[in-house]
Amino acid sequence: MEKLGKSWAPMLLSVLRIMSGLLLLQHGAGKILKFPAGVVPPTFNLNSMPGYAGVIELVCGILLVLGLFTRPAAFLASGMTAVAYFLVHAPLGFYPILNKGELAVLYCFVFLYLAAAGAGPWSIDAIRRK
C-alpha cells in the first residue's frame, strides 16, 4: 500500500492544485466578472479590499489551474486568505468554526503548501522545467 501511495502523490498534488485553483477562481470570477450572478453584493467596489481580493483570486486562480508560476501565485493567495481571515473573521471570535473563517484558514494552508511543494507533474511549470 505504501508503494501505491508514493506513486500517486505527484499526480494528487496536481489535482489539489487544480481543484483549489478552480475554487479560488470562482470567488474572483464572481466579484470581477459577476459570474455566477448573485455572488457579489450590489454595492461592490473594485477599488476596495474585496475588489483587490477579487483581482488576486481571479489571476491567481487562473495561474493555479494552469500550473503557471505556481509557487508565487500560491504564496500570494495564501497571504490574501490569511489577511481575509484576520481582518474579516477573527474579529468575530476566536474559533474559526464560530467566526465562519474555517474556509479562509484552510485555503491559507493549502496555498502555503502549494507554494512550498510546487505545481506537480500536470502543469505548465513542469513542462517549462523540462
C-alpha atoms as a PDB file:
ATOM      1  CA  MET A   1       0.000   0.000   0.000  1.00  0.00           C
ATOM      2  CA  GLU A   2       2.879   2.374   0.793  1.00  0.00           C
ATOM      3  CA  LYS A   3       4.295   1.954  -2.722  1.00  0.00           C
ATOM      4  CA  LEU A   4       0.919   2.810  -4.288  1.00  0.00           C
ATOM      5  CA  GLY A   5       0.665   5.995  -2.180  1.00  0.00           C
ATOM      6  CA  LYS A   6       4.066   7.255  -3.258  1.00  0.00           C
ATOM      7  CA  SER A   7       3.384   6.653  -6.926  1.00  0.00           C
ATOM      8  CA  TRP A   8       0.157   8.691  -6.879  1.00  0.00           C
ATOM      9  CA  ALA A   9       1.435  11.545  -4.681  1.00  0.00           C
ATOM     10  CA  PRO A  10       2.754  13.785  -7.507  1.00  0.00           C
ATOM     11  CA  MET A  11      -0.449  13.438  -9.521  1.00  0.00           C
ATOM     12  CA  LEU A  12      -2.600  14.125  -6.456  1.00  0.00           C
ATOM     13  CA  LEU A  13      -0.538  17.264  -5.838  1.00  0.00           C
ATOM     14  CA  SER A  14      -1.579  18.425  -9.308  1.00  0.00           C
ATOM     15  CA  VAL A  15      -5.217  17.536  -8.578  1.00  0.00           C
ATOM     16  CA  LEU A  16      -5.092  19.501  -5.297  1.00  0.00           C
ATOM     17  CA  ARG A  17      -3.631  22.498  -7.147  1.00  0.00           C
ATOM     18  CA  ILE A  18      -6.206  22.366  -9.944  1.00  0.00           C
ATOM     19  CA  MET A  19      -9.208  21.958  -7.644  1.00  0.00           C
ATOM     20  CA  SER A  20      -8.132  24.604  -5.129  1.00  0.00           C
ATOM     21  CA  GLY A  21      -7.344  26.933  -8.052  1.00  0.00           C
ATOM     22  CA  LEU A  22     -10.821  26.389  -9.504  1.00  0.00           C
ATOM     23  CA  LEU A  23     -12.426  27.095  -6.135  1.00  0.00           C
ATOM     24  CA  LEU A  24     -10.385  30.286  -5.726  1.00  0.00           C
ATOM     25  CA  LEU A  25     -11.156  31.261  -9.317  1.00  0.00           C
ATOM     26  CA  GLN A  26     -14.906  31.157  -8.722  1.00  0.00           C
ATOM     27  CA  HIS A  27     -14.526  33.716  -5.909  1.00  0.00           C
ATOM     28  CA  GLY A  28     -12.651  36.062  -8.231  1.00  0.00           C
ATOM     29  CA  ALA A  29     -14.958  35.445 -11.188  1.00  0.00           C
ATOM     30  CA  GLY A  30     -17.971  36.205  -9.017  1.00  0.00           C
ATOM     31  CA  LYS A  31     -16.515  39.511  -7.867  1.00  0.00           C
ATOM     32  CA  ILE A  32     -14.829  40.728 -11.048  1.00  0.00           C
ATOM     33  CA  LEU A  33     -16.805  39.078 -13.874  1.00  0.00           C
ATOM     34  CA  LYS A  34     -20.094  38.844 -11.949  1.00  0.00           C
ATOM     35  CA  PHE A  35     -20.326  35.151 -12.832  1.00  0.00           C
ATOM     36  CA  PRO A  36     -22.097  33.338 -11.394  1.00  0.00           C
ATOM     37  CA  ALA A  37     -24.621  36.105 -10.900  1.00  0.00           C
ATOM     38  CA  GLY A  38     -25.706  36.922  -7.379  1.00  0.00           C
ATOM     39  CA  VAL A  39     -22.348  36.241  -5.720  1.00  0.00           C
ATOM     40  CA  VAL A  40     -21.376  39.888  -5.219  1.00  0.00           C
ATOM     41  CA  PRO A  41     -23.419  42.449  -3.302  1.00  0.00           C
ATOM     42  CA  PRO A  42     -24.769  45.329  -5.413  1.00  0.00           C
ATOM     43  CA  THR A  43     -22.547  47.817  -3.532  1.00  0.00           C
ATOM     44  CA  PHE A  44     -19.316  46.068  -4.627  1.00  0.00           C
ATOM     45  CA  ASN A  45     -16.483  48.471  -5.464  1.00  0.00           C
ATOM     46  CA  LEU A  46     -13.393  47.344  -7.373  1.00  0.00           C
ATOM     47  CA  ASN A  47     -11.299  49.955  -5.530  1.00  0.00           C
ATOM     48  CA  SER A  48     -11.740  48.311  -2.126  1.00  0.00           C
ATOM     49  CA  MET A  49     -10.301  45.415  -0.139  1.00  0.00           C
ATOM     50  CA  PRO A  50     -12.881  42.968  -1.594  1.00  0.00           C
ATOM     51  CA  GLY A  51     -12.098  44.365  -5.058  1.00  0.00           C
ATOM     52  CA  TYR A  52      -8.364  43.825  -4.634  1.00  0.00           C
ATOM     53  CA  ALA A  53      -9.045  40.357  -3.258  1.00  0.00           C
ATOM     54  CA  GLY A  54     -11.207  39.629  -6.309  1.00  0.00           C
ATOM     55  CA  VAL A  55      -8.383  40.538  -8.682  1.00  0.00           C
ATOM     56  CA  ILE A  56      -5.935  38.347  -6.733  1.00  0.00           C
ATOM     57  CA  GLU A  57      -8.459  35.478  -6.662  1.00  0.00           C
ATOM     58  CA  LEU A  58      -9.116  35.728 -10.389  1.00  0.00           C
ATOM     59  CA  VAL A  59      -5.474  35.994 -11.509  1.00  0.00           C
ATOM     60  CA  CYS A  60      -4.025  33.522  -9.002  1.00  0.00           C
ATOM     61  CA  GLY A  61      -6.924  31.121  -9.604  1.00  0.00           C
ATOM     62  CA  ILE A  62      -6.179  31.043 -13.324  1.00  0.00           C
ATOM     63  CA  LEU A  63      -2.440  30.632 -12.726  1.00  0.00           C
ATOM     64  CA  LEU A  64      -3.015  27.811 -10.234  1.00  0.00           C
ATOM     65  CA  VAL A  65      -5.391  25.939 -12.541  1.00  0.00           C
ATOM     66  CA  LEU A  66      -2.844  26.131 -15.341  1.00  0.00           C
ATOM     67  CA  GLY A  67       0.097  25.390 -13.064  1.00  0.00           C
ATOM     68  CA  LEU A  68       1.896  28.505 -14.288  1.00  0.00           C
ATOM     69  CA  PHE A  69       4.063  30.458 -11.805  1.00  0.00           C
ATOM     70  CA  THR A  70       2.502  28.211  -9.174  1.00  0.00           C
ATOM     71  CA  ARG A  71       4.781  28.992  -6.265  1.00  0.00           C
ATOM     72  CA  PRO A  72       4.427  32.803  -6.346  1.00  0.00           C
ATOM     73  CA  ALA A  73       0.705  32.614  -7.177  1.00  0.00           C
ATOM     74  CA  ALA A  74       0.067  30.197  -4.312  1.00  0.00           C
ATOM     75  CA  PHE A  75       2.151  32.303  -1.917  1.00  0.00           C
ATOM     76  CA  LEU A  76       0.172  35.436  -2.838  1.00  0.00           C
ATOM     77  CA  ALA A  77      -3.130  33.563  -2.487  1.00  0.00           C
ATOM     78  CA  SER A  78      -2.031  32.194   0.888  1.00  0.00           C
ATOM     79  CA  GLY A  79      -1.237  35.689   2.140  1.00  0.00           C
ATOM     80  CA  MET A  80      -4.500  37.081   0.782  1.00  0.00           C
ATOM     81  CA  THR A  81      -6.549  34.403   2.559  1.00  0.00           C
ATOM     82  CA  ALA A  82      -4.606  34.963   5.801  1.00  0.00           C
ATOM     83  CA  VAL A  83      -5.409  38.680   5.601  1.00  0.00           C
ATOM     84  CA  ALA A  84      -9.058  37.804   4.888  1.00  0.00           C
ATOM     85  CA  TYR A  85      -9.171  35.657   7.994  1.00  0.00           C
ATOM     86  CA  PHE A  86      -7.573  38.185  10.325  1.00  0.00           C
ATOM     87  CA  LEU A  87      -9.456  41.233   9.009  1.00  0.00           C
ATOM     88  CA  VAL A  88     -12.901  39.731   8.443  1.00  0.00           C
ATOM     89  CA  HIS A  89     -13.301  36.602  10.560  1.00  0.00           C
ATOM     90  CA  ALA A  90     -11.015  36.817  13.595  1.00  0.00           C
ATOM     91  CA  PRO A  91     -12.660  39.991  14.969  1.00  0.00           C
ATOM     92  CA  LEU A  92     -15.911  37.998  15.223  1.00  0.00           C
ATOM     93  CA  GLY A  93     -14.445  35.497  17.682  1.00  0.00           C
ATOM     94  CA  PHE A  94     -11.524  33.209  18.419  1.00  0.00           C
ATOM     95  CA  TYR A  95     -12.785  29.913  16.966  1.00  0.00           C
ATOM     96  CA  PRO A  96     -12.893  29.588  13.154  1.00  0.00           C
ATOM     97  CA  ILE A  97     -15.997  27.392  13.323  1.00  0.00           C
ATOM     98  CA  LEU A  98     -17.846  30.187  15.128  1.00  0.00           C
ATOM     99  CA  ASN A  99     -16.472  33.154  13.167  1.00  0.00           C
ATOM    100  CA  LYS A 100     -17.103  31.415   9.795  1.00  0.00           C
ATOM    101  CA  GLY A 101     -13.404  31.583   8.927  1.00  0.00           C
ATOM    102  CA  GLU A 102     -12.568  27.904   8.543  1.00  0.00           C
ATOM    103  CA  LEU A 103     -12.583  28.135   4.725  1.00  0.00           C
ATOM    104  CA  ALA A 104     -10.149  31.075   4.769  1.00  0.00           C
ATOM    105  CA  VAL A 105      -7.823  29.183   7.144  1.00  0.00           C
ATOM    106  CA  LEU A 106      -7.978  26.026   5.036  1.00  0.00           C
ATOM    107  CA  TYR A 107      -7.296  27.974   1.827  1.00  0.00           C
ATOM    108  CA  CYS A 108      -4.375  29.722   3.524  1.00  0.00           C
ATOM    109  CA  PHE A 109      -2.636  26.480   4.465  1.00  0.00           C
ATOM    110  CA  VAL A 110      -3.424  24.651   1.203  1.00  0.00           C
ATOM    111  CA  PHE A 111      -1.944  27.533  -0.783  1.00  0.00           C
ATOM    112  CA  LEU A 112       1.038  27.733   1.564  1.00  0.00           C
ATOM    113  CA  TYR A 113       1.638  24.018   0.957  1.00  0.00           C
ATOM    114  CA  LEU A 114       1.405  24.534  -2.823  1.00  0.00           C
ATOM    115  CA  ALA A 115       3.876  27.429  -2.569  1.00  0.00           C
ATOM    116  CA  ALA A 116       6.350  25.034  -0.935  1.00  0.00           C
ATOM    117  CA  ALA A 117       5.562  21.847  -2.898  1.00  0.00           C
ATOM    118  CA  GLY A 118       5.125  23.330  -6.374  1.00  0.00           C
ATOM    119  CA  ALA A 119       2.688  22.526  -9.134  1.00  0.00           C
ATOM    120  CA  GLY A 120       3.123  18.794  -9.612  1.00  0.00           C
ATOM    121  CA  PRO A 121       3.650  16.979 -12.901  1.00  0.00           C
ATOM    122  CA  TRP A 122       0.439  18.072 -14.646  1.00  0.00           C
ATOM    123  CA  SER A 123       1.345  21.729 -15.058  1.00  0.00           C
ATOM    124  CA  ILE A 124       2.869  24.287 -17.362  1.00  0.00           C
ATOM    125  CA  ASP A 125       5.605  24.765 -14.760  1.00  0.00           C
ATOM    126  CA  ALA A 126       6.594  21.084 -15.178  1.00  0.00           C
ATOM    127  CA  ILE A 127       6.665  21.463 -18.968  1.00  0.00           C
ATOM    128  CA  ARG A 128       8.791  24.647 -18.710  1.00  0.00           C
ATOM    129  CA  ARG A 129      11.226  22.869 -16.354  1.00  0.00           C
ATOM    130  CA  LYS A 130      11.991  20.169 -18.976  1.00  0.00           C
END
